[in-house]
């Protein structure tokens, strides 16, 4: 087992769309670089049905760079699955250039 380490990655926010409910934040994914982000997104959409399901996740906002600490499992996923998904809405770094931001005063 290796120690967690801090690295700069590409962060992509996601939002969930649910029929009859609306849209809400749905965490973020982390990627080694822009090419890995694109492959991750392409693989995600390739698994979706041809018609919009009642509930699904979609991209939200502009990707941005941030420093994060990765666990062993996350390090493996970053390599083998082109990224790792975190379901937290406590975004890393400055939380990106657009979209809603986590209200740290509420913690």
PDB file of N, CA and C in Angstrom:
ATOM      1  N   UNK A   1       0.839  -1.173   0.000  1.00  0.00           N
ATOM      2  CA  UNK A   1       0.000   0.000   0.000  1.00  0.00           C
ATOM      3  C   UNK A   1       0.888   1.242   0.000  1.00  0.00           C
ATOM      4  N   UNK A   2       0.566   2.175  -0.881  1.00  0.00           N
ATOM      5  CA  UNK A   2       1.327   3.416  -0.931  1.00  0.00           C
ATOM      6  C   UNK A   2       0.614   4.480  -0.115  1.00  0.00           C
ATOM      7  N   UNK A   3       1.347   5.483   0.238  1.00  0.00           N
ATOM      8  CA  UNK A   3       0.788   6.594   0.999  1.00  0.00           C
ATOM      9  C   UNK A   3      -0.027   7.496   0.077  1.00  0.00           C
ATOM     10  N   UNK A   4      -1.117   8.091   0.588  1.00  0.00           N
ATOM     11  CA  UNK A   4      -1.835   9.087  -0.210  1.00  0.00           C
ATOM     12  C   UNK A   4      -0.882  10.217  -0.578  1.00  0.00           C
ATOM     13  N   UNK A   5      -1.078  10.798  -1.740  1.00  0.00           N
ATOM     14  CA  UNK A   5      -0.210  11.903  -2.126  1.00  0.00           C
ATOM     15  C   UNK A   5      -1.019  13.004  -2.794  1.00  0.00           C
ATOM     16  N   UNK A   6      -0.461  14.205  -2.768  1.00  0.00           N
ATOM     17  CA  UNK A   6      -1.137  15.365  -3.338  1.00  0.00           C
ATOM     18  C   UNK A   6      -0.622  15.601  -4.743  1.00  0.00           C
ATOM     19  N   UNK A   7      -1.553  15.858  -5.666  1.00  0.00           N
ATOM     20  CA  UNK A   7      -1.227  16.056  -7.066  1.00  0.00           C
ATOM     21  C   UNK A   7      -2.206  17.070  -7.657  1.00  0.00           C
ATOM     22  N   UNK A   8      -1.797  17.772  -8.690  1.00  0.00           N
ATOM     23  CA  UNK A   8      -2.702  18.680  -9.399  1.00  0.00           C
ATOM     24  C   UNK A   8      -3.448  17.884 -10.466  1.00  0.00           C
ATOM     25  N   UNK A   9      -4.766  17.997 -10.465  1.00  0.00           N
ATOM     26  CA  UNK A   9      -5.618  17.255 -11.390  1.00  0.00           C
ATOM     27  C   UNK A   9      -6.615  18.207 -12.046  1.00  0.00           C
ATOM     28  N   UNK A  10      -7.328  17.689 -13.044  1.00  0.00           N
ATOM     29  CA  UNK A  10      -8.443  18.412 -13.667  1.00  0.00           C
ATOM     30  C   UNK A  10      -9.706  17.995 -12.931  1.00  0.00           C
ATOM     31  N   UNK A  11     -10.478  18.964 -12.451  1.00  0.00           N
ATOM     32  CA  UNK A  11     -11.728  18.710 -11.736  1.00  0.00           C
ATOM     33  C   UNK A  11     -12.895  19.027 -12.667  1.00  0.00           C
ATOM     34  N   UNK A  12     -13.850  18.093 -12.752  1.00  0.00           N
ATOM     35  CA  UNK A  12     -15.068  18.320 -13.530  1.00  0.00           C
ATOM     36  C   UNK A  12     -16.268  18.156 -12.604  1.00  0.00           C
ATOM     37  N   UNK A  13     -17.059  19.198 -12.442  1.00  0.00           N
ATOM     38  CA  UNK A  13     -18.278  19.101 -11.638  1.00  0.00           C
ATOM     39  C   UNK A  13     -19.366  18.378 -12.431  1.00  0.00           C
ATOM     40  N   UNK A  14     -20.272  17.719 -11.703  1.00  0.00           N
ATOM     41  CA  UNK A  14     -21.412  17.013 -12.287  1.00  0.00           C
ATOM     42  C   UNK A  14     -22.685  17.470 -11.592  1.00  0.00           C
ATOM     43  N   UNK A  15     -23.805  17.335 -12.293  1.00  0.00           N
ATOM     44  CA  UNK A  15     -25.102  17.583 -11.691  1.00  0.00           C
ATOM     45  C   UNK A  15     -26.024  16.429 -12.066  1.00  0.00           C
ATOM     46  N   UNK A  16     -27.003  16.172 -11.190  1.00  0.00           N
ATOM     47  CA  UNK A  16     -27.963  15.110 -11.436  1.00  0.00           C
ATOM     48  C   UNK A  16     -29.261  15.721 -11.932  1.00  0.00           C
ATOM     49  N   UNK A  17     -29.824  15.136 -12.965  1.00  0.00           N
ATOM     50  CA  UNK A  17     -31.112  15.544 -13.480  1.00  0.00           C
ATOM     51  C   UNK A  17     -32.090  14.409 -13.223  1.00  0.00           C
ATOM     52  N   UNK A  18     -33.201  14.731 -12.560  1.00  0.00           N
ATOM     53  CA  UNK A  18     -34.202  13.711 -12.252  1.00  0.00           C
ATOM     54  C   UNK A  18     -35.573  14.211 -12.701  1.00  0.00           C
ATOM     55  N   UNK A  19     -36.207  13.421 -13.558  1.00  0.00           N
ATOM     56  CA  UNK A  19     -37.524  13.782 -14.079  1.00  0.00           C
ATOM     57  C   UNK A  19     -38.498  14.023 -12.921  1.00  0.00           C
ATOM     58  N   UNK A  20     -39.199  15.140 -12.976  1.00  0.00           N
ATOM     59  CA  UNK A  20     -40.168  15.471 -11.949  1.00  0.00           C
ATOM     60  C   UNK A  20     -39.575  16.113 -10.710  1.00  0.00           C
ATOM     61  N   UNK A  21     -38.265  16.144 -10.615  1.00  0.00           N
ATOM     62  CA  UNK A  21     -37.607  16.701  -9.437  1.00  0.00           C
ATOM     63  C   UNK A  21     -36.783  17.924  -9.803  1.00  0.00           C
ATOM     64  N   UNK A  22     -36.001  17.817 -10.863  1.00  0.00           N
ATOM     65  CA  UNK A  22     -35.155  18.927 -11.293  1.00  0.00           C
ATOM     66  C   UNK A  22     -33.692  18.549 -11.308  1.00  0.00           C
ATOM     67  N   UNK A  23     -32.854  19.547 -11.103  1.00  0.00           N
ATOM     68  CA  UNK A  23     -31.399  19.383 -11.187  1.00  0.00           C
ATOM     69  C   UNK A  23     -30.776  19.763  -9.854  1.00  0.00           C
ATOM     70  N   UNK A  24     -29.756  18.998  -9.451  1.00  0.00           N
ATOM     71  CA  UNK A  24     -29.034  19.301  -8.216  1.00  0.00           C
ATOM     72  C   UNK A  24     -27.573  18.877  -8.370  1.00  0.00           C
ATOM     73  N   UNK A  25     -26.670  19.452  -7.587  1.00  0.00           N
ATOM     74  CA  UNK A  25     -25.256  19.074  -7.663  1.00  0.00           C
ATOM     75  C   UNK A  25     -25.071  17.578  -7.403  1.00  0.00           C
ATOM     76  N   UNK A  26     -24.104  16.978  -8.109  1.00  0.00           N
ATOM     77  CA  UNK A  26     -23.872  15.540  -7.983  1.00  0.00           C
ATOM     78  C   UNK A  26     -22.388  15.213  -7.926  1.00  0.00           C
ATOM     79  N   UNK A  27     -21.636  15.997  -7.180  1.00  0.00           N
ATOM     80  CA  UNK A  27     -20.223  15.702  -6.977  1.00  0.00           C
ATOM     81  C   UNK A  27     -19.330  16.140  -8.124  1.00  0.00           C
ATOM     82  N   UNK A  28     -18.181  15.485  -8.228  1.00  0.00           N
ATOM     83  CA  UNK A  28     -17.184  15.862  -9.229  1.00  0.00           C
ATOM     84  C   UNK A  28     -16.308  14.671  -9.564  1.00  0.00           C
ATOM     85  N   UNK A  29     -15.626  14.777 -10.686  1.00  0.00           N
ATOM     86  CA  UNK A  29     -14.657  13.751 -11.063  1.00  0.00           C
ATOM     87  C   UNK A  29     -13.275  14.398 -11.170  1.00  0.00           C
ATOM     88  N   UNK A  30     -12.245  13.568 -10.959  1.00  0.00           N
ATOM     89  CA  UNK A  30     -10.849  14.011 -11.001  1.00  0.00           C
ATOM     90  C   UNK A  30     -10.131  13.271 -12.116  1.00  0.00           C
ATOM     91  N   UNK A  31      -9.262  13.994 -12.841  1.00  0.00           N
ATOM     92  CA  UNK A  31      -8.580  13.422 -14.003  1.00  0.00           C
ATOM     93  C   UNK A  31      -7.139  13.906 -14.064  1.00  0.00           C
ATOM     94  N   UNK A  32      -6.277  13.042 -14.563  1.00  0.00           N
ATOM     95  CA  UNK A  32      -4.851  13.380 -14.673  1.00  0.00           C
ATOM     96  C   UNK A  32      -4.643  14.562 -15.608  1.00  0.00           C
ATOM     97  N   UNK A  33      -5.385  14.589 -16.706  1.00  0.00           N
ATOM     98  CA  UNK A  33      -5.250  15.672 -17.684  1.00  0.00           C
ATOM     99  C   UNK A  33      -6.542  15.775 -18.499  1.00  0.00           C
ATOM    100  N   UNK A  34      -6.576  16.702 -19.426  1.00  0.00           N
ATOM    101  CA  UNK A  34      -7.770  16.939 -20.238  1.00  0.00           C
ATOM    102  C   UNK A  34      -8.117  15.728 -21.111  1.00  0.00           C
ATOM    103  N   UNK A  35      -7.114  15.039 -21.636  1.00  0.00           N
ATOM    104  CA  UNK A  35      -7.367  13.858 -22.472  1.00  0.00           C
ATOM    105  C   UNK A  35      -8.048  12.757 -21.648  1.00  0.00           C
ATOM    106  N   UNK A  36      -7.604  12.561 -20.403  1.00  0.00           N
ATOM    107  CA  UNK A  36      -8.230  11.563 -19.532  1.00  0.00           C
ATOM    108  C   UNK A  36      -9.658  11.984 -19.186  1.00  0.00           C
ATOM    109  N   UNK A  37      -9.889  13.274 -18.965  1.00  0.00           N
ATOM    110  CA  UNK A  37     -11.236  13.774 -18.676  1.00  0.00           C
ATOM    111  C   UNK A  37     -12.171  13.448 -19.839  1.00  0.00           C
ATOM    112  N   UNK A  38     -11.706  13.695 -21.043  1.00  0.00           N
ATOM    113  CA  UNK A  38     -12.531  13.424 -22.222  1.00  0.00           C
ATOM    114  C   UNK A  38     -12.843  11.930 -22.347  1.00  0.00           C
ATOM    115  N   UNK A  39     -11.842  11.075 -22.122  1.00  0.00           N
ATOM    116  CA  UNK A  39     -12.068   9.622 -22.203  1.00  0.00           C
ATOM    117  C   UNK A  39     -13.071   9.161 -21.132  1.00  0.00           C
ATOM    118  N   UNK A  40     -12.976   9.717 -19.940  1.00  0.00           N
ATOM    119  CA  UNK A  40     -13.889   9.380 -18.851  1.00  0.00           C
ATOM    120  C   UNK A  40     -15.325   9.748 -19.238  1.00  0.00           C
ATOM    121  N   UNK A  41     -15.499  10.941 -19.761  1.00  0.00           N
ATOM    122  CA  UNK A  41     -16.828  11.416 -20.160  1.00  0.00           C
ATOM    123  C   UNK A  41     -17.373  10.571 -21.315  1.00  0.00           C
ATOM    124  N   UNK A  42     -16.529  10.287 -22.296  1.00  0.00           N
ATOM    125  CA  UNK A  42     -16.960   9.448 -23.426  1.00  0.00           C
ATOM    126  C   UNK A  42     -17.415   8.068 -22.949  1.00  0.00           C
ATOM    127  N   UNK A  43     -16.676   7.481 -22.002  1.00  0.00           N
ATOM    128  CA  UNK A  43     -17.038   6.156 -21.472  1.00  0.00           C
ATOM    129  C   UNK A  43     -18.357   6.239 -20.697  1.00  0.00           C
ATOM    130  N   UNK A  44     -18.561   7.312 -19.960  1.00  0.00           N
ATOM    131  CA  UNK A  44     -19.809   7.489 -19.211  1.00  0.00           C
ATOM    132  C   UNK A  44     -21.002   7.531 -20.165  1.00  0.00           C
ATOM    133  N   UNK A  45     -20.915   8.375 -21.199  1.00  0.00           N
ATOM    134  CA  UNK A  45     -22.042   8.510 -22.128  1.00  0.00           C
ATOM    135  C   UNK A  45     -22.248   7.261 -22.968  1.00  0.00           C
ATOM    136  N   UNK A  46     -21.195   6.511 -23.241  1.00  0.00           N
ATOM    137  CA  UNK A  46     -21.326   5.280 -24.021  1.00  0.00           C
ATOM    138  C   UNK A  46     -22.181   4.239 -23.285  1.00  0.00           C
ATOM    139  N   UNK A  47     -22.232   4.315 -21.961  1.00  0.00           N
ATOM    140  CA  UNK A  47     -23.026   3.374 -21.169  1.00  0.00           C
ATOM    141  C   UNK A  47     -24.481   3.811 -21.007  1.00  0.00           C
ATOM    142  N   UNK A  48     -24.826   5.002 -21.447  1.00  0.00           N
ATOM    143  CA  UNK A  48     -26.190   5.507 -21.283  1.00  0.00           C
ATOM    144  C   UNK A  48     -27.096   4.965 -22.387  1.00  0.00           C
ATOM    145  N   UNK A  49     -28.394   4.832 -22.091  1.00  0.00           N
ATOM    146  CA  UNK A  49     -29.337   4.376 -23.113  1.00  0.00           C
ATOM    147  C   UNK A  49     -29.536   5.445 -24.195  1.00  0.00           C
ATOM    148  N   UNK A  50     -30.179   5.075 -25.287  1.00  0.00           N
ATOM    149  CA  UNK A  50     -30.406   6.010 -26.397  1.00  0.00           C
ATOM    150  C   UNK A  50     -31.448   7.073 -26.078  1.00  0.00           C
ATOM    151  N   UNK A  51     -32.298   6.828 -25.094  1.00  0.00           N
ATOM    152  CA  UNK A  51     -33.277   7.832 -24.673  1.00  0.00           C
ATOM    153  C   UNK A  51     -32.938   8.282 -23.256  1.00  0.00           C
ATOM    154  N   UNK A  52     -33.309   9.515 -22.931  1.00  0.00           N
ATOM    155  CA  UNK A  52     -32.986  10.063 -21.614  1.00  0.00           C
ATOM    156  C   UNK A  52     -33.660   9.254 -20.507  1.00  0.00           C
ATOM    157  N   UNK A  53     -32.882   8.734 -19.553  1.00  0.00           N
ATOM    158  CA  UNK A  53     -33.478   8.005 -18.437  1.00  0.00           C
ATOM    159  C   UNK A  53     -34.149   8.985 -17.459  1.00  0.00           C
ATOM    160  N   UNK A  54     -34.906   8.468 -16.518  1.00  0.00           N
ATOM    161  CA  UNK A  54     -35.573   9.315 -15.537  1.00  0.00           C
ATOM    162  C   UNK A  54     -34.581  10.057 -14.645  1.00  0.00           C
ATOM    163  N   UNK A  55     -33.420   9.467 -14.453  1.00  0.00           N
ATOM    164  CA  UNK A  55     -32.401  10.064 -13.588  1.00  0.00           C
ATOM    165  C   UNK A  55     -31.020   9.803 -14.190  1.00  0.00           C
ATOM    166  N   UNK A  56     -30.212  10.838 -14.302  1.00  0.00           N
ATOM    167  CA  UNK A  56     -28.850  10.675 -14.817  1.00  0.00           C
ATOM    168  C   UNK A  56     -27.991  11.866 -14.408  1.00  0.00           C
ATOM    169  N   UNK A  57     -26.679  11.691 -14.498  1.00  0.00           N
ATOM    170  CA  UNK A  57     -25.739  12.769 -14.213  1.00  0.00           C
ATOM    171  C   UNK A  57     -25.249  13.365 -15.518  1.00  0.00           C
ATOM    172  N   UNK A  58     -24.894  14.643 -15.454  1.00  0.00           N
ATOM    173  CA  UNK A  58     -24.334  15.314 -16.630  1.00  0.00           C
ATOM    174  C   UNK A  58     -23.315  16.341 -16.154  1.00  0.00           C
ATOM    175  N   UNK A  59     -22.487  16.786 -17.088  1.00  0.00           N
ATOM    176  CA  UNK A  59     -21.454  17.763 -16.766  1.00  0.00           C
ATOM    177  C   UNK A  59     -22.075  19.057 -16.270  1.00  0.00           C
ATOM    178  N   UNK A  60     -21.332  19.740 -15.413  1.00  0.00           N
ATOM    179  CA  UNK A  60     -21.778  21.022 -14.899  1.00  0.00           C
ATOM    180  C   UNK A  60     -20.577  21.955 -14.804  1.00  0.00           C
ATOM    181  N   UNK A  61     -20.596  23.017 -15.563  1.00  0.00           N
ATOM    182  CA  UNK A  61     -19.538  24.016 -15.452  1.00  0.00           C
ATOM    183  C   UNK A  61     -18.267  23.682 -16.203  1.00  0.00           C
ATOM    184  N   UNK A  62     -17.335  24.582 -16.076  1.00  0.00           N
ATOM    185  CA  UNK A  62     -16.044  24.517 -16.748  1.00  0.00           C
ATOM    186  C   UNK A  62     -15.043  23.737 -15.902  1.00  0.00           C
ATOM    187  N   UNK A  63     -14.317  22.779 -16.495  1.00  0.00           N
ATOM    188  CA  UNK A  63     -13.292  22.068 -15.721  1.00  0.00           C
ATOM    189  C   UNK A  63     -12.200  23.031 -15.261  1.00  0.00           C
ATOM    190  N   UNK A  64     -11.550  22.690 -14.150  1.00  0.00           N
ATOM    191  CA  UNK A  64     -10.489  23.550 -13.615  1.00  0.00           C
ATOM    192  C   UNK A  64      -9.437  22.697 -12.913  1.00  0.00           C
ATOM    193  N   UNK A  65      -8.266  23.259 -12.703  1.00  0.00           N
ATOM    194  CA  UNK A  65      -7.171  22.548 -12.045  1.00  0.00           C
ATOM    195  C   UNK A  65      -7.217  22.801 -10.540  1.00  0.00           C
ATOM    196  N   UNK A  66      -6.892  21.750  -9.772  1.00  0.00           N
ATOM    197  CA  UNK A  66      -6.834  21.874  -8.316  1.00  0.00           C
ATOM    198  C   UNK A  66      -5.902  20.809  -7.756  1.00  0.00           C
ATOM    199  N   UNK A  67      -5.330  21.093  -6.599  1.00  0.00           N
ATOM    200  CA  UNK A  67      -4.526  20.102  -5.895  1.00  0.00           C
ATOM    201  C   UNK A  67      -5.433  19.275  -5.009  1.00  0.00           C
ATOM    202  N   UNK A  68      -5.274  17.948  -5.079  1.00  0.00           N
ATOM    203  CA  UNK A  68      -6.055  17.037  -4.243  1.00  0.00           C
ATOM    204  C   UNK A  68      -5.141  15.937  -3.707  1.00  0.00           C
ATOM    205  N   UNK A  69      -5.578  15.311  -2.630  1.00  0.00           N
ATOM    206  CA  UNK A  69      -4.876  14.154  -2.091  1.00  0.00           C
ATOM    207  C   UNK A  69      -5.642  12.912  -2.517  1.00  0.00           C
ATOM    208  N   UNK A  70      -4.940  11.981  -3.154  1.00  0.00           N
ATOM    209  CA  UNK A  70      -5.556  10.753  -3.670  1.00  0.00           C
ATOM    210  C   UNK A  70      -5.222   9.567  -2.785  1.00  0.00           C
ATOM    211  N   UNK A  71      -6.221   8.710  -2.541  1.00  0.00           N
ATOM    212  CA  UNK A  71      -5.994   7.450  -1.827  1.00  0.00           C
ATOM    213  C   UNK A  71      -5.413   6.424  -2.801  1.00  0.00           C
ATOM    214  N   UNK A  72      -5.035   5.266  -2.285  1.00  0.00           N
ATOM    215  CA  UNK A  72      -4.548   4.172  -3.141  1.00  0.00           C
ATOM    216  C   UNK A  72      -5.573   3.800  -4.210  1.00  0.00           C
ATOM    217  N   UNK A  73      -6.817   3.587  -3.784  1.00  0.00           N
ATOM    218  CA  UNK A  73      -7.863   3.197  -4.729  1.00  0.00           C
ATOM    219  C   UNK A  73      -8.072   4.277  -5.785  1.00  0.00           C
ATOM    220  N   UNK A  74      -8.065   5.520  -5.375  1.00  0.00           N
ATOM    221  CA  UNK A  74      -8.244   6.605  -6.337  1.00  0.00           C
ATOM    222  C   UNK A  74      -7.086   6.675  -7.323  1.00  0.00           C
ATOM    223  N   UNK A  75      -5.872   6.409  -6.847  1.00  0.00           N
ATOM    224  CA  UNK A  75      -4.715   6.404  -7.749  1.00  0.00           C
ATOM    225  C   UNK A  75      -4.887   5.347  -8.829  1.00  0.00           C
ATOM    226  N   UNK A  76      -5.347   4.162  -8.460  1.00  0.00           N
ATOM    227  CA  UNK A  76      -5.561   3.086  -9.438  1.00  0.00           C
ATOM    228  C   UNK A  76      -6.661   3.461 -10.433  1.00  0.00           C
ATOM    229  N   UNK A  77      -7.756   4.020  -9.923  1.00  0.00           N
ATOM    230  CA  UNK A  77      -8.844   4.410 -10.810  1.00  0.00           C
ATOM    231  C   UNK A  77      -8.420   5.507 -11.778  1.00  0.00           C
ATOM    232  N   UNK A  78      -7.595   6.422 -11.311  1.00  0.00           N
ATOM    233  CA  UNK A  78      -7.124   7.503 -12.183  1.00  0.00           C
ATOM    234  C   UNK A  78      -6.391   6.925 -13.393  1.00  0.00           C
ATOM    235  N   UNK A  79      -5.685   5.838 -13.186  1.00  0.00           N
ATOM    236  CA  UNK A  79      -4.906   5.222 -14.264  1.00  0.00           C
ATOM    237  C   UNK A  79      -5.782   4.320 -15.137  1.00  0.00           C
ATOM    238  N   UNK A  80      -6.574   3.453 -14.506  1.00  0.00           N
ATOM    239  CA  UNK A  80      -7.306   2.418 -15.254  1.00  0.00           C
ATOM    240  C   UNK A  80      -8.674   2.847 -15.763  1.00  0.00           C
ATOM    241  N   UNK A  81      -9.298   3.818 -15.125  1.00  0.00           N
ATOM    242  CA  UNK A  81     -10.647   4.238 -15.517  1.00  0.00           C
ATOM    243  C   UNK A  81     -10.691   5.691 -15.999  1.00  0.00           C
ATOM    244  N   UNK A  82      -9.533   6.300 -16.219  1.00  0.00           N
ATOM    245  CA  UNK A  82      -9.429   7.670 -16.740  1.00  0.00           C
ATOM    246  C   UNK A  82      -9.914   8.727 -15.764  1.00  0.00           C
ATOM    247  N   UNK A  83     -10.147   8.352 -14.526  1.00  0.00           N
ATOM    248  CA  UNK A  83     -10.576   9.328 -13.538  1.00  0.00           C
ATOM    249  C   UNK A  83     -11.258   8.650 -12.377  1.00  0.00           C
ATOM    250  N   UNK A  84     -11.634   9.449 -11.410  1.00  0.00           N
ATOM    251  CA  UNK A  84     -12.323   8.939 -10.228  1.00  0.00           C
ATOM    252  C   UNK A  84     -13.447   9.908  -9.876  1.00  0.00           C
ATOM    253  N   UNK A  85     -14.572   9.364  -9.466  1.00  0.00           N
ATOM    254  CA  UNK A  85     -15.735  10.179  -9.116  1.00  0.00           C
ATOM    255  C   UNK A  85     -15.841  10.300  -7.609  1.00  0.00           C
ATOM    256  N   UNK A  86     -16.037  11.514  -7.137  1.00  0.00           N
ATOM    257  CA  UNK A  86     -16.323  11.765  -5.728  1.00  0.00           C
ATOM    258  C   UNK A  86     -17.729  12.339  -5.648  1.00  0.00           C
ATOM    259  N   UNK A  87     -18.559  11.766  -4.814  1.00  0.00           N
ATOM    260  CA  UNK A  87     -19.959  12.197  -4.705  1.00  0.00           C
ATOM    261  C   UNK A  87     -20.146  13.382  -3.770  1.00  0.00           C
ATOM    262  N   UNK A  88     -19.078  13.911  -3.249  1.00  0.00           N
ATOM    263  CA  UNK A  88     -19.143  15.074  -2.367  1.00  0.00           C
ATOM    264  C   UNK A  88     -19.372  16.345  -3.185  1.00  0.00           C
ATOM    265  N   UNK A  89     -20.083  17.291  -2.611  1.00  0.00           N
ATOM    266  CA  UNK A  89     -20.236  18.602  -3.240  1.00  0.00           C
ATOM    267  C   UNK A  89     -19.355  19.641  -2.571  1.00  0.00           C
ATOM    268  N   UNK A  90     -18.368  19.181  -1.814  1.00  0.00           N
ATOM    269  CA  UNK A  90     -17.349  20.043  -1.222  1.00  0.00           C
ATOM    270  C   UNK A  90     -16.169  20.021  -2.193  1.00  0.00           C
ATOM    271  N   UNK A  91     -16.236  20.878  -3.203  1.00  0.00           N
ATOM    272  CA  UNK A  91     -15.288  20.852  -4.311  1.00  0.00           C
ATOM    273  C   UNK A  91     -13.883  21.256  -3.885  1.00  0.00           C
ATOM    274  N   UNK A  92     -12.865  20.644  -4.500  1.00  0.00           N
ATOM    275  CA  UNK A  92     -11.483  20.991  -4.164  1.00  0.00           C
ATOM    276  C   UNK A  92     -11.065  22.331  -4.750  1.00  0.00           C
ATOM    277  N   UNK A  93     -10.010  22.885  -4.200  1.00  0.00           N
ATOM    278  CA  UNK A  93      -9.441  24.132  -4.731  1.00  0.00           C
ATOM    279  C   UNK A  93     -10.385  25.305  -4.595  1.00  0.00           C
ATOM    280  N   UNK A  94     -10.354  26.181  -5.594  1.00  0.00           N
ATOM    281  CA  UNK A  94     -11.181  27.394  -5.553  1.00  0.00           C
ATOM    282  C   UNK A  94     -12.588  27.136  -6.083  1.00  0.00           C
ATOM    283  N   UNK A  95     -12.919  25.885  -6.347  1.00  0.00           N
ATOM    284  CA  UNK A  95     -14.232  25.431  -6.792  1.00  0.00           C
ATOM    285  C   UNK A  95     -14.563  25.833  -8.222  1.00  0.00           C
ATOM    286  N   UNK A  96     -13.597  26.296  -8.984  1.00  0.00           N
ATOM    287  CA  UNK A  96     -13.805  26.567 -10.402  1.00  0.00           C
ATOM    288  C   UNK A  96     -14.317  27.956 -10.714  1.00  0.00           C
ATOM    289  N   UNK A  97     -14.318  28.277 -12.000  1.00  0.00           N
ATOM    290  CA  UNK A  97     -14.631  29.637 -12.444  1.00  0.00           C
ATOM    291  C   UNK A  97     -16.113  29.956 -12.592  1.00  0.00           C
ATOM    292  N   UNK A  98     -16.989  28.945 -12.481  1.00  0.00           N
ATOM    293  CA  UNK A  98     -18.405  29.214 -12.705  1.00  0.00           C
ATOM    294  C   UNK A  98     -19.283  28.272 -11.894  1.00  0.00           C
ATOM    295  N   UNK A  99     -20.573  28.439 -12.012  1.00  0.00           N
ATOM    296  CA  UNK A  99     -21.508  27.571 -11.305  1.00  0.00           C
ATOM    297  C   UNK A  99     -21.606  27.940  -9.837  1.00  0.00           C
ATOM    298  N   UNK A 100     -22.424  27.187  -9.111  1.00  0.00           N
ATOM    299  CA  UNK A 100     -22.590  27.473  -7.690  1.00  0.00           C
ATOM    300  C   UNK A 100     -21.371  26.998  -6.929  1.00  0.00           C
ATOM    301  N   UNK A 101     -21.121  27.610  -5.797  1.00  0.00           N
ATOM    302  CA  UNK A 101     -19.981  27.252  -4.958  1.00  0.00           C
ATOM    303  C   UNK A 101     -20.467  26.795  -3.593  1.00  0.00           C
ATOM    304  N   UNK A 102     -19.721  25.888  -3.014  1.00  0.00           N
ATOM    305  CA  UNK A 102     -20.017  25.350  -1.699  1.00  0.00           C
ATOM    306  C   UNK A 102     -19.958  26.479  -0.672  1.00  0.00           C
ATOM    307  N   UNK A 103     -20.970  26.600   0.169  1.00  0.00           N
ATOM    308  CA  UNK A 103     -20.995  27.640   1.186  1.00  0.00           C
ATOM    309  C   UNK A 103     -20.292  27.118   2.434  1.00  0.00           C
ATOM    310  N   UNK A 104     -19.008  27.417   2.565  1.00  0.00           N
ATOM    311  CA  UNK A 104     -18.208  26.903   3.662  1.00  0.00           C
ATOM    312  C   UNK A 104     -18.644  27.494   4.996  1.00  0.00           C
ATOM    313  N   UNK A 105     -19.375  28.605   4.987  1.00  0.00           N
ATOM    314  CA  UNK A 105     -19.866  29.205   6.234  1.00  0.00           C
ATOM    315  C   UNK A 105     -20.939  28.344   6.879  1.00  0.00           C
ATOM    316  N   UNK A 106     -21.600  27.464   6.118  1.00  0.00           N
ATOM    317  CA  UNK A 106     -22.659  26.607   6.642  1.00  0.00           C
ATOM    318  C   UNK A 106     -22.108  25.394   7.411  1.00  0.00           C
ATOM    319  N   UNK A 107     -20.811  25.173   7.347  1.00  0.00           N
ATOM    320  CA  UNK A 107     -20.240  23.975   7.984  1.00  0.00           C
ATOM    321  C   UNK A 107     -20.127  24.149   9.476  1.00  0.00           C
TER     322      UNK A 107
END
